[in-house]
């Protein structure tokens, strides 16, 4: 969920090779969900939901964040995707 310029949870753990399905729900404003290393950028409409899948094909810890710029609070909205090696 995304609310008050925060992701909850702000840490997602998966295993390398997993097919990850994320359902992101905005409880107030428009947000985005981006992970640069996986070339993911999805917009989440205000009060809406965005669903997508990707394969966690490389181990490591990756920052996810909202890349919108209409409010400076987006710059502080981030979390971690942890992909554990197989």
N, C-alpha and C. Protein backbone atom coordinates (compact mmCIF):
# COMPACT_ATOMS: atom_id res chain seq x y z
N UNK A 1 0.84 -1.19 0.00
CA UNK A 1 0.00 0.00 0.00
C UNK A 1 0.88 1.24 0.00
N UNK A 2 0.36 2.29 -0.59
CA UNK A 2 1.04 3.58 -0.59
C UNK A 2 0.09 4.58 0.05
N UNK A 3 0.59 5.26 1.09
CA UNK A 3 -0.24 6.24 1.78
C UNK A 3 0.66 7.24 2.50
N UNK A 4 0.27 8.49 2.49
CA UNK A 4 1.04 9.55 3.16
C UNK A 4 2.52 9.53 2.76
N UNK A 5 2.77 9.28 1.48
CA UNK A 5 4.13 9.28 0.94
C UNK A 5 5.03 8.23 1.59
N UNK A 6 4.44 7.07 1.87
CA UNK A 6 5.17 5.92 2.42
C UNK A 6 4.65 4.63 1.77
N UNK A 7 5.55 3.68 1.58
CA UNK A 7 5.16 2.33 1.16
C UNK A 7 5.04 1.46 2.40
N UNK A 8 4.04 0.59 2.42
CA UNK A 8 3.89 -0.37 3.51
C UNK A 8 3.52 -1.73 2.90
N UNK A 9 4.41 -2.71 2.98
CA UNK A 9 5.69 -2.67 3.68
C UNK A 9 6.72 -1.91 2.86
N UNK A 10 7.81 -1.52 3.50
CA UNK A 10 8.88 -0.83 2.79
C UNK A 10 10.08 -1.76 2.54
N UNK A 11 9.88 -3.04 2.79
CA UNK A 11 10.90 -4.05 2.50
C UNK A 11 10.20 -5.29 1.96
N UNK A 12 10.64 -5.76 0.80
CA UNK A 12 10.08 -6.94 0.15
C UNK A 12 11.23 -7.92 -0.04
N UNK A 13 11.06 -9.15 0.41
CA UNK A 13 12.10 -10.17 0.27
C UNK A 13 11.59 -11.31 -0.60
N UNK A 14 12.40 -11.69 -1.59
CA UNK A 14 12.07 -12.80 -2.49
C UNK A 14 13.36 -13.58 -2.73
N UNK A 15 13.23 -14.70 -3.45
CA UNK A 15 14.39 -15.52 -3.81
C UNK A 15 14.66 -15.37 -5.29
N UNK A 16 15.92 -15.36 -5.65
CA UNK A 16 16.31 -15.25 -7.05
C UNK A 16 15.57 -16.29 -7.88
N UNK A 17 15.04 -15.89 -9.00
CA UNK A 17 14.28 -16.78 -9.87
C UNK A 17 12.78 -16.72 -9.64
N UNK A 18 12.35 -16.14 -8.53
CA UNK A 18 10.92 -16.02 -8.26
C UNK A 18 10.24 -15.12 -9.28
N UNK A 19 9.00 -15.49 -9.63
CA UNK A 19 8.13 -14.59 -10.37
C UNK A 19 7.41 -13.76 -9.32
N UNK A 20 7.67 -12.47 -9.31
CA UNK A 20 7.13 -11.57 -8.28
C UNK A 20 5.92 -10.86 -8.84
N UNK A 21 4.81 -10.97 -8.14
CA UNK A 21 3.59 -10.26 -8.54
C UNK A 21 3.30 -9.22 -7.46
N UNK A 22 3.33 -7.96 -7.85
CA UNK A 22 3.06 -6.87 -6.91
C UNK A 22 1.71 -6.23 -7.22
N UNK A 23 0.96 -6.01 -6.19
CA UNK A 23 -0.30 -5.28 -6.26
C UNK A 23 -0.11 -4.06 -5.37
N UNK A 24 -0.06 -2.89 -5.97
CA UNK A 24 0.19 -1.67 -5.21
C UNK A 24 -1.08 -0.84 -5.21
N UNK A 25 -1.54 -0.53 -4.03
CA UNK A 25 -2.79 0.21 -3.84
C UNK A 25 -2.49 1.57 -3.24
N UNK A 26 -2.99 2.62 -3.87
CA UNK A 26 -2.88 3.96 -3.30
C UNK A 26 -4.09 4.20 -2.41
N UNK A 27 -3.84 4.68 -1.22
CA UNK A 27 -4.93 4.98 -0.30
C UNK A 27 -5.26 6.47 -0.27
N UNK A 28 -4.53 7.27 -1.07
CA UNK A 28 -4.83 8.71 -1.09
C UNK A 28 -4.43 9.37 -2.42
N UNK A 29 -3.15 9.61 -2.66
CA UNK A 29 -2.66 10.36 -3.81
C UNK A 29 -2.17 9.45 -4.93
N UNK A 30 -1.80 10.07 -6.05
CA UNK A 30 -1.12 9.34 -7.12
C UNK A 30 0.33 9.11 -6.69
N UNK A 31 0.84 7.92 -7.03
CA UNK A 31 2.23 7.57 -6.74
C UNK A 31 2.79 6.85 -7.95
N UNK A 32 4.06 6.52 -7.87
CA UNK A 32 4.64 5.59 -8.83
C UNK A 32 5.47 4.59 -8.05
N UNK A 33 5.84 3.51 -8.73
CA UNK A 33 6.69 2.49 -8.14
C UNK A 33 7.79 2.23 -9.15
N UNK A 34 9.03 2.48 -8.76
CA UNK A 34 10.15 2.33 -9.68
C UNK A 34 11.28 1.54 -9.04
N UNK A 35 11.90 0.65 -9.84
CA UNK A 35 13.13 -0.03 -9.47
C UNK A 35 14.05 0.09 -10.69
N UNK A 36 15.05 0.92 -10.59
CA UNK A 36 15.92 1.20 -11.74
C UNK A 36 16.57 -0.05 -12.31
N UNK A 37 17.13 -0.90 -11.46
CA UNK A 37 17.87 -2.07 -11.93
C UNK A 37 17.00 -3.07 -12.69
N UNK A 38 15.71 -3.07 -12.44
CA UNK A 38 14.79 -3.95 -13.14
C UNK A 38 14.00 -3.21 -14.23
N UNK A 39 14.33 -1.93 -14.43
CA UNK A 39 13.66 -1.10 -15.43
C UNK A 39 12.14 -1.13 -15.25
N UNK A 40 11.73 -0.99 -14.01
CA UNK A 40 10.30 -0.98 -13.67
C UNK A 40 9.91 0.44 -13.30
N UNK A 41 8.87 0.94 -13.93
CA UNK A 41 8.23 2.19 -13.52
C UNK A 41 6.74 2.01 -13.79
N UNK A 42 5.96 2.05 -12.73
CA UNK A 42 4.50 1.91 -12.85
C UNK A 42 3.83 3.04 -12.09
N UNK A 43 2.79 3.58 -12.66
CA UNK A 43 2.03 4.64 -12.01
C UNK A 43 0.86 4.02 -11.26
N UNK A 44 0.58 4.58 -10.09
CA UNK A 44 -0.54 4.14 -9.25
C UNK A 44 -1.50 5.32 -9.12
N UNK A 45 -2.70 5.21 -9.67
CA UNK A 45 -3.63 6.36 -9.62
C UNK A 45 -4.15 6.60 -8.21
N UNK A 46 -4.59 7.82 -7.92
CA UNK A 46 -5.12 8.12 -6.58
C UNK A 46 -6.31 7.21 -6.26
N UNK A 47 -6.22 6.51 -5.14
CA UNK A 47 -7.29 5.61 -4.74
C UNK A 47 -7.40 4.36 -5.59
N UNK A 48 -6.43 4.12 -6.47
CA UNK A 48 -6.48 2.99 -7.39
C UNK A 48 -5.43 1.94 -7.09
N UNK A 49 -5.38 0.94 -7.97
CA UNK A 49 -4.46 -0.19 -7.82
C UNK A 49 -3.73 -0.44 -9.12
N UNK A 50 -2.47 -0.83 -9.02
CA UNK A 50 -1.67 -1.24 -10.16
C UNK A 50 -1.08 -2.62 -9.85
N UNK A 51 -1.20 -3.54 -10.79
CA UNK A 51 -0.70 -4.90 -10.62
C UNK A 51 0.28 -5.20 -11.76
N UNK A 52 1.42 -5.80 -11.43
CA UNK A 52 2.38 -6.20 -12.46
C UNK A 52 3.25 -7.33 -11.91
N UNK A 53 3.95 -8.00 -12.84
CA UNK A 53 4.84 -9.11 -12.49
C UNK A 53 6.21 -8.89 -13.11
N UNK A 54 7.22 -9.45 -12.46
CA UNK A 54 8.56 -9.47 -13.02
C UNK A 54 9.32 -10.64 -12.41
N UNK A 55 10.35 -11.09 -13.11
CA UNK A 55 11.18 -12.18 -12.63
C UNK A 55 12.37 -11.59 -11.87
N UNK A 56 12.56 -12.01 -10.63
CA UNK A 56 13.68 -11.54 -9.80
C UNK A 56 14.91 -12.35 -10.21
N UNK A 57 15.56 -11.91 -11.28
CA UNK A 57 16.61 -12.73 -11.89
C UNK A 57 18.02 -12.42 -11.41
N UNK A 58 18.18 -11.46 -10.50
CA UNK A 58 19.53 -11.17 -9.99
C UNK A 58 19.47 -10.89 -8.49
N UNK A 59 20.41 -11.46 -7.75
CA UNK A 59 20.42 -11.25 -6.31
C UNK A 59 20.93 -9.86 -5.96
N UNK A 60 20.53 -9.39 -4.80
CA UNK A 60 21.01 -8.10 -4.32
C UNK A 60 19.91 -7.35 -3.59
N UNK A 61 20.22 -6.15 -3.18
CA UNK A 61 19.27 -5.26 -2.53
C UNK A 61 19.07 -4.06 -3.43
N UNK A 62 17.83 -3.82 -3.80
CA UNK A 62 17.50 -2.79 -4.77
C UNK A 62 16.51 -1.79 -4.17
N UNK A 63 16.76 -0.54 -4.39
CA UNK A 63 15.89 0.53 -3.89
C UNK A 63 14.65 0.64 -4.79
N UNK A 64 13.47 0.71 -4.15
CA UNK A 64 12.29 1.09 -4.91
C UNK A 64 11.79 2.42 -4.36
N UNK A 65 11.13 3.20 -5.21
CA UNK A 65 10.77 4.56 -4.84
C UNK A 65 9.66 5.09 -5.74
N UNK A 66 9.11 6.22 -5.37
CA UNK A 66 8.17 6.94 -6.22
C UNK A 66 8.94 8.01 -6.96
N UNK A 67 8.86 8.01 -8.30
CA UNK A 67 9.63 8.98 -9.08
C UNK A 67 8.82 10.20 -9.52
N UNK A 68 7.63 10.37 -8.96
CA UNK A 68 6.84 11.55 -9.30
C UNK A 68 7.49 12.80 -8.70
N UNK A 69 7.24 13.93 -9.32
CA UNK A 69 7.89 15.17 -8.88
C UNK A 69 6.89 16.27 -8.54
N UNK A 70 5.60 15.96 -8.55
CA UNK A 70 4.59 17.00 -8.29
C UNK A 70 4.55 17.43 -6.83
N UNK A 71 5.19 16.67 -5.95
CA UNK A 71 5.27 17.03 -4.53
C UNK A 71 6.63 16.57 -4.03
N UNK A 72 7.32 17.41 -3.29
CA UNK A 72 8.67 17.07 -2.82
C UNK A 72 8.67 15.85 -1.90
N UNK A 73 7.54 15.50 -1.31
CA UNK A 73 7.48 14.33 -0.41
C UNK A 73 7.73 13.03 -1.16
N UNK A 74 7.51 13.00 -2.48
CA UNK A 74 7.80 11.78 -3.25
C UNK A 74 9.28 11.40 -3.14
N UNK A 75 10.16 12.37 -3.02
CA UNK A 75 11.60 12.10 -2.96
C UNK A 75 11.99 11.29 -1.73
N UNK A 76 11.17 11.31 -0.70
CA UNK A 76 11.46 10.57 0.53
C UNK A 76 10.77 9.20 0.57
N UNK A 77 10.01 8.89 -0.46
CA UNK A 77 9.21 7.66 -0.48
C UNK A 77 10.04 6.54 -1.11
N UNK A 78 10.52 5.61 -0.27
CA UNK A 78 11.34 4.53 -0.80
C UNK A 78 11.28 3.29 0.09
N UNK A 79 11.81 2.21 -0.47
CA UNK A 79 11.89 0.95 0.26
C UNK A 79 12.97 0.09 -0.37
N UNK A 80 13.02 -1.19 0.03
CA UNK A 80 14.04 -2.11 -0.47
C UNK A 80 13.41 -3.40 -0.97
N UNK A 81 13.89 -3.83 -2.13
CA UNK A 81 13.61 -5.17 -2.64
C UNK A 81 14.86 -5.99 -2.38
N UNK A 82 14.74 -7.04 -1.59
CA UNK A 82 15.87 -7.92 -1.30
C UNK A 82 15.65 -9.22 -2.06
N UNK A 83 16.58 -9.54 -2.97
CA UNK A 83 16.53 -10.79 -3.74
C UNK A 83 17.64 -11.67 -3.22
N UNK A 84 17.25 -12.72 -2.49
CA UNK A 84 18.22 -13.66 -1.93
C UNK A 84 18.70 -14.62 -3.01
N UNK A 85 19.99 -14.97 -3.03
CA UNK A 85 20.50 -15.94 -4.01
C UNK A 85 19.84 -17.30 -3.82
N UNK A 86 19.73 -18.05 -4.89
CA UNK A 86 19.15 -19.41 -4.82
C UNK A 86 20.01 -20.34 -4.01
